[in-house]
Structures are given as C-alpha cells and as structure tokens.
Protein backbone atom coordinates (compact mmCIF):
# COMPACT_ATOMS: atom_id res chain seq x y z
CA MET A 1 -16.62 -35.05 -43.85
CA ALA A 2 -16.70 -31.31 -44.22
CA LYS A 3 -16.18 -28.57 -41.67
CA VAL A 4 -19.20 -26.26 -41.34
CA ARG A 5 -20.07 -23.08 -39.49
CA ARG A 6 -23.38 -21.82 -38.11
CA ASN A 7 -24.17 -18.26 -36.99
CA TYR A 8 -20.54 -17.19 -37.54
CA ASP A 9 -19.34 -18.67 -34.24
CA SER A 10 -20.23 -22.38 -34.08
CA TRP A 11 -18.27 -25.08 -35.86
CA GLY A 12 -18.69 -28.79 -36.49
CA PHE A 13 -18.63 -31.40 -39.25
CA ILE A 14 -21.20 -32.92 -41.59
CA ASP A 15 -21.00 -36.06 -43.69
CA LYS A 16 -21.52 -36.26 -47.46
CA ASN A 17 -25.30 -36.47 -46.94
CA GLY A 18 -25.34 -33.26 -44.92
CA THR A 19 -25.91 -35.07 -41.63
CA GLU A 20 -24.31 -33.39 -38.63
CA VAL A 21 -21.75 -35.89 -37.37
CA ILE A 22 -19.77 -33.66 -35.04
CA PRO A 23 -22.18 -31.21 -33.41
CA VAL A 24 -21.95 -27.65 -34.69
CA LYS A 25 -21.31 -26.28 -31.21
CA TYR A 26 -17.58 -25.65 -30.96
CA ASP A 27 -15.96 -22.22 -30.98
CA GLU A 28 -13.27 -23.51 -33.35
CA THR A 29 -12.06 -26.76 -34.90
CA ALA A 30 -9.13 -27.94 -36.99
CA ASP A 31 -9.84 -28.21 -40.72
CA THR A 32 -8.90 -31.87 -41.04
CA PHE A 33 -8.64 -35.07 -39.04
CA SER A 34 -5.34 -36.60 -37.96
CA GLU A 35 -5.27 -40.29 -37.08
CA GLY A 36 -9.08 -40.27 -36.84
CA LEU A 37 -9.28 -37.29 -34.46
CA VAL A 38 -9.77 -33.55 -34.84
CA TRP A 39 -9.09 -30.90 -32.25
CA VAL A 40 -11.96 -28.72 -31.07
CA ARG A 41 -12.12 -25.64 -28.84
CA LYS A 42 -14.96 -24.57 -26.56
CA ASP A 43 -14.83 -21.85 -23.89
CA LEU A 44 -11.06 -21.40 -24.45
CA LYS A 45 -10.27 -25.08 -23.83
CA PHE A 46 -9.04 -27.62 -26.39
CA GLY A 47 -9.79 -31.33 -26.73
CA PHE A 48 -10.19 -33.94 -29.47
CA VAL A 49 -13.25 -35.68 -30.94
CA ASP A 50 -13.44 -38.73 -33.20
CA LYS A 51 -15.31 -39.08 -36.50
CA LYS A 52 -18.49 -40.06 -34.65
CA GLY A 53 -18.44 -36.89 -32.59
CA LYS A 54 -17.35 -38.59 -29.36
CA LEU A 55 -15.11 -36.47 -27.15
CA ILE A 56 -11.98 -38.64 -26.79
CA VAL A 57 -9.73 -36.06 -25.14
CA PRO A 58 -11.59 -33.79 -22.69
CA LEU A 59 -11.70 -30.02 -23.24
CA LYS A 60 -9.00 -29.21 -20.70
CA TYR A 61 -5.96 -27.94 -22.58
CA ASP A 62 -5.11 -24.29 -23.21
CA TYR A 63 -3.74 -24.98 -26.70
CA THR A 64 -2.78 -27.60 -29.22
CA ILE A 65 -1.47 -27.52 -32.75
CA GLY A 66 -1.52 -29.96 -35.62
CA GLY A 67 -2.65 -33.46 -34.91
CA PHE A 68 -0.96 -36.74 -34.09
CA PRO A 69 2.18 -37.06 -36.21
CA ASP A 70 4.01 -40.16 -34.97
CA GLY A 71 0.97 -40.88 -32.75
CA LEU A 72 1.41 -37.95 -30.32
CA ALA A 73 -0.16 -34.50 -30.11
CA MET A 74 1.51 -31.51 -28.48
CA VAL A 75 -0.67 -29.86 -25.81
CA ILE A 76 -0.27 -26.86 -23.53
CA LYS A 77 -1.78 -26.44 -20.08
CA GLY A 78 -0.83 -23.44 -18.01
CA GLU A 79 2.83 -22.66 -18.62
CA TYR A 80 3.90 -26.14 -19.69
CA VAL A 81 3.93 -28.27 -22.82
CA GLY A 82 3.71 -32.05 -23.12
CA TYR A 83 2.32 -34.75 -25.38
CA ILE A 84 -0.75 -36.97 -25.35
CA ASN A 85 -1.58 -40.11 -27.28
CA LYS A 86 -4.78 -40.74 -29.27
CA LYS A 87 -6.55 -41.96 -26.11
CA GLY A 88 -5.81 -38.70 -24.31
CA LYS A 89 -3.16 -40.13 -22.00
CA GLU A 90 -0.32 -37.75 -21.18
CA VAL A 91 2.55 -39.97 -22.29
CA ILE A 92 5.21 -37.26 -22.11
CA PRO A 93 4.49 -35.08 -19.05
CA LEU A 94 3.69 -31.40 -19.38
CA GLN A 95 7.11 -30.19 -18.29
CA TYR A 96 8.55 -28.20 -21.17
CA ASP A 97 8.53 -24.42 -21.61
CA LYS A 98 8.25 -24.75 -25.40
CA ALA A 99 7.91 -27.68 -27.78
CA GLY A 100 7.21 -28.53 -31.39
CA ILE A 101 5.37 -31.33 -33.11
CA PHE A 102 7.04 -34.64 -33.83
CA VAL A 103 8.68 -34.97 -37.23
CA ASP A 104 10.31 -38.29 -38.11
CA GLY A 105 10.19 -39.38 -34.49
CA LEU A 106 11.81 -36.28 -32.94
CA ALA A 107 10.44 -33.09 -31.40
CA LEU A 108 12.29 -29.90 -30.50
CA VAL A 109 11.78 -29.01 -26.82
CA VAL A 110 12.94 -26.24 -24.48
CA LYS A 111 13.21 -26.50 -20.70
CA SER A 112 14.81 -23.99 -18.33
CA GLY A 113 16.23 -22.10 -21.31
CA LYS A 114 17.99 -25.11 -22.84
CA SER A 115 17.00 -26.75 -26.14
CA GLY A 116 17.24 -30.31 -27.42
CA PHE A 117 15.21 -33.05 -29.07
CA ILE A 118 13.18 -35.90 -27.58
CA ASN A 119 11.84 -39.08 -29.16
CA ILE A 120 8.27 -40.39 -28.86
CA ASN A 121 9.18 -42.12 -25.59
CA GLY A 122 10.21 -38.78 -24.07
CA THR A 123 13.91 -39.69 -24.08
CA ALA A 124 16.29 -36.84 -24.86
CA VAL A 125 18.03 -38.11 -28.00
CA ILE A 126 19.79 -34.77 -28.39
CA PRO A 127 20.38 -33.49 -24.83
CA LEU A 128 18.80 -30.24 -23.69
CA LYS A 129 22.13 -28.44 -23.49
CA TYR A 130 21.91 -25.93 -26.32
CA ASP A 131 21.03 -22.26 -25.95
CA GLU A 132 18.95 -22.52 -29.12
CA ALA A 133 17.98 -25.19 -31.64
CA LYS A 134 16.08 -25.13 -34.92
CA GLU A 135 13.96 -27.77 -36.61
CA PHE A 136 15.64 -30.42 -38.75
CA SER A 137 16.18 -29.66 -42.42
CA GLU A 138 17.59 -32.23 -44.82
CA GLY A 139 18.66 -34.40 -41.88
CA LEU A 140 20.48 -31.70 -39.88
CA ALA A 141 19.40 -29.22 -37.20
CA ALA A 142 21.11 -25.95 -36.33
CA VAL A 143 22.11 -25.62 -32.67
CA LYS A 144 23.68 -22.75 -30.74
CA LYS A 145 25.92 -22.82 -27.69
CA ASP A 146 28.09 -20.08 -26.21
CA GLY A 147 27.11 -17.72 -29.04
CA LYS A 148 28.14 -20.03 -31.90
CA TYR A 149 26.06 -22.14 -34.28
CA GLY A 150 26.68 -25.54 -35.79
CA PHE A 151 24.64 -28.53 -36.96
CA VAL A 152 23.80 -31.92 -35.43
CA ASP A 153 22.34 -35.07 -36.96
CA LYS A 154 19.33 -36.99 -35.63
CA LYS A 155 21.52 -38.93 -33.20
CA GLY A 156 22.96 -35.75 -31.72
CA GLY A 157 26.35 -36.05 -33.38
CA ILE A 158 27.97 -32.72 -34.26
CA ILE A 159 28.31 -32.83 -38.04
CA ILE A 160 29.27 -29.19 -38.60
CA PRO A 161 31.22 -27.62 -35.68
CA LEU A 162 29.70 -24.83 -33.60
CA GLU A 163 31.81 -22.02 -35.06
CA TYR A 164 29.37 -19.82 -36.99
CA ASP A 165 28.03 -16.44 -35.90
CA TYR A 166 24.78 -16.93 -37.83
CA VAL A 167 23.04 -19.70 -39.78
CA GLU A 168 19.77 -19.84 -41.71
CA ASP A 169 17.01 -22.14 -40.46
CA GLU A 170 16.89 -24.50 -43.42
CA PHE A 171 19.04 -26.17 -46.01
CA SER A 172 18.03 -25.81 -49.65
CA GLU A 173 19.38 -28.34 -52.13
CA GLY A 174 22.14 -29.27 -49.72
CA LEU A 175 23.28 -25.71 -48.90
CA VAL A 176 22.62 -23.30 -46.04
CA ALA A 177 23.54 -19.62 -45.63
CA VAL A 178 26.01 -18.88 -42.83
CA GLU A 179 28.22 -16.13 -41.47
CA LYS A 180 31.60 -16.57 -39.80
CA ASN A 181 33.96 -13.78 -38.76
CA GLY A 182 32.23 -11.37 -41.15
CA LYS A 183 32.38 -13.79 -44.07
CA GLN A 184 29.00 -14.68 -45.55
CA GLY A 185 28.23 -17.51 -47.89
CA TYR A 186 26.91 -21.01 -48.16
CA ILE A 187 28.17 -24.28 -46.77
CA ASN A 188 27.21 -27.82 -47.69
CA LYS A 189 26.18 -30.54 -45.24
CA LYS A 190 29.84 -31.38 -44.61
CA GLY A 191 30.62 -27.79 -43.62
CA ASP A 192 32.56 -26.97 -46.79
CA TRP A 193 32.16 -23.48 -48.20
CA ALA A 194 30.25 -23.62 -51.49
CA SER A 195 30.16 -19.95 -52.47
CA ASP A 196 30.70 -16.47 -51.06
CA LYS A 197 28.63 -13.33 -51.15
C-alpha cells in the first residue's frame, strides 16, 4: 500500500492497483503500518485503522507516536500518557506525565517528576525513583538522582555508580562521554576511564 494525498489536506492509502483502501479523508496519517495498523488523525484526534480501512482504535486520543513495538502503542489523552494494545484496549492506564515507546520490552516513563522503566505489563522494572532517566543504549540507561548520574541495566541494577556530574545520552562502541569533578573523558560499560580530554 502507498500513502496518498488529495487537495493538500486529505490523506489515505491505495493498493498497488490504485484502489483506495483507506479512505483519503484523514488530516494526517503515519507513513507505514505497524503490526497491521496505521495511526490516523482527524479533527485533532488520533486513532488507528487496519489495512482494510476499518477504524480499530477510535479517534479519541490527543497524540500518538510510532506504532506497536512489543504489541503496545503509546497514546496521550489530556495531560496523561498510557498504552493501548492492537485492539484499542488501554492495557497500561493513562497515568504518566511523560512516556516513551517500548524498546526490548521496556519503556521510559515519568510520573510526579520521577523517572523509571516499566515492562509491557505495566510493572515498574526500574522503580520511578530517579530525577531523570535516558533511553537504553548498548544495554545500559543513564539515570540521575540527587544531582549525580550513573547507569543501570535492564533489571535496574546499578552498574556504574551515580557519581558523575554529566553523561552523554548514548554509548558508542562501548564508551560514553562523562564529566566528574571537572574531569572530562570517556568511560566503558564497567565505569573504567578509557581516555581523557
């Protein structure tokens, strides 16, 4: 299927024969399907349709992003974020202030100013106790508490102690840039200094 536009403001999808499969009536759509569904927006509300054009998730959400990695889609309604399954059921209640998409079974969430990670069942695998958290990179995620950064693994274990004043978001080839007591450089995934600037 291919995404098409009509009159600059209406979007839908056609099949390889040019037949309109998803009506060209939406204000916006995603470019591709995820798990057989694509998000659509009409009159500032988001929902999901299947490859036959059937509206599976009603147009009732204020925002969504991505699709259904690990079977769940992140949706926003009002001030809160939660997750729905491919049938449109809210399986993780809309209770978070901020949230990300699921990657390898975990999603970064923020509630009442505290960050952590939940699994696809909504269980906090990494408790919401950090002042800040960043997405996982090479198996570790940066977390911040009481003004200091460190790194946790996907089970929540502290792998690199929270003792850094600054850390980059992502590892690259096993190294990440950090700063501690004015010293800048790179550490490996064990917390050993690899080089200095």
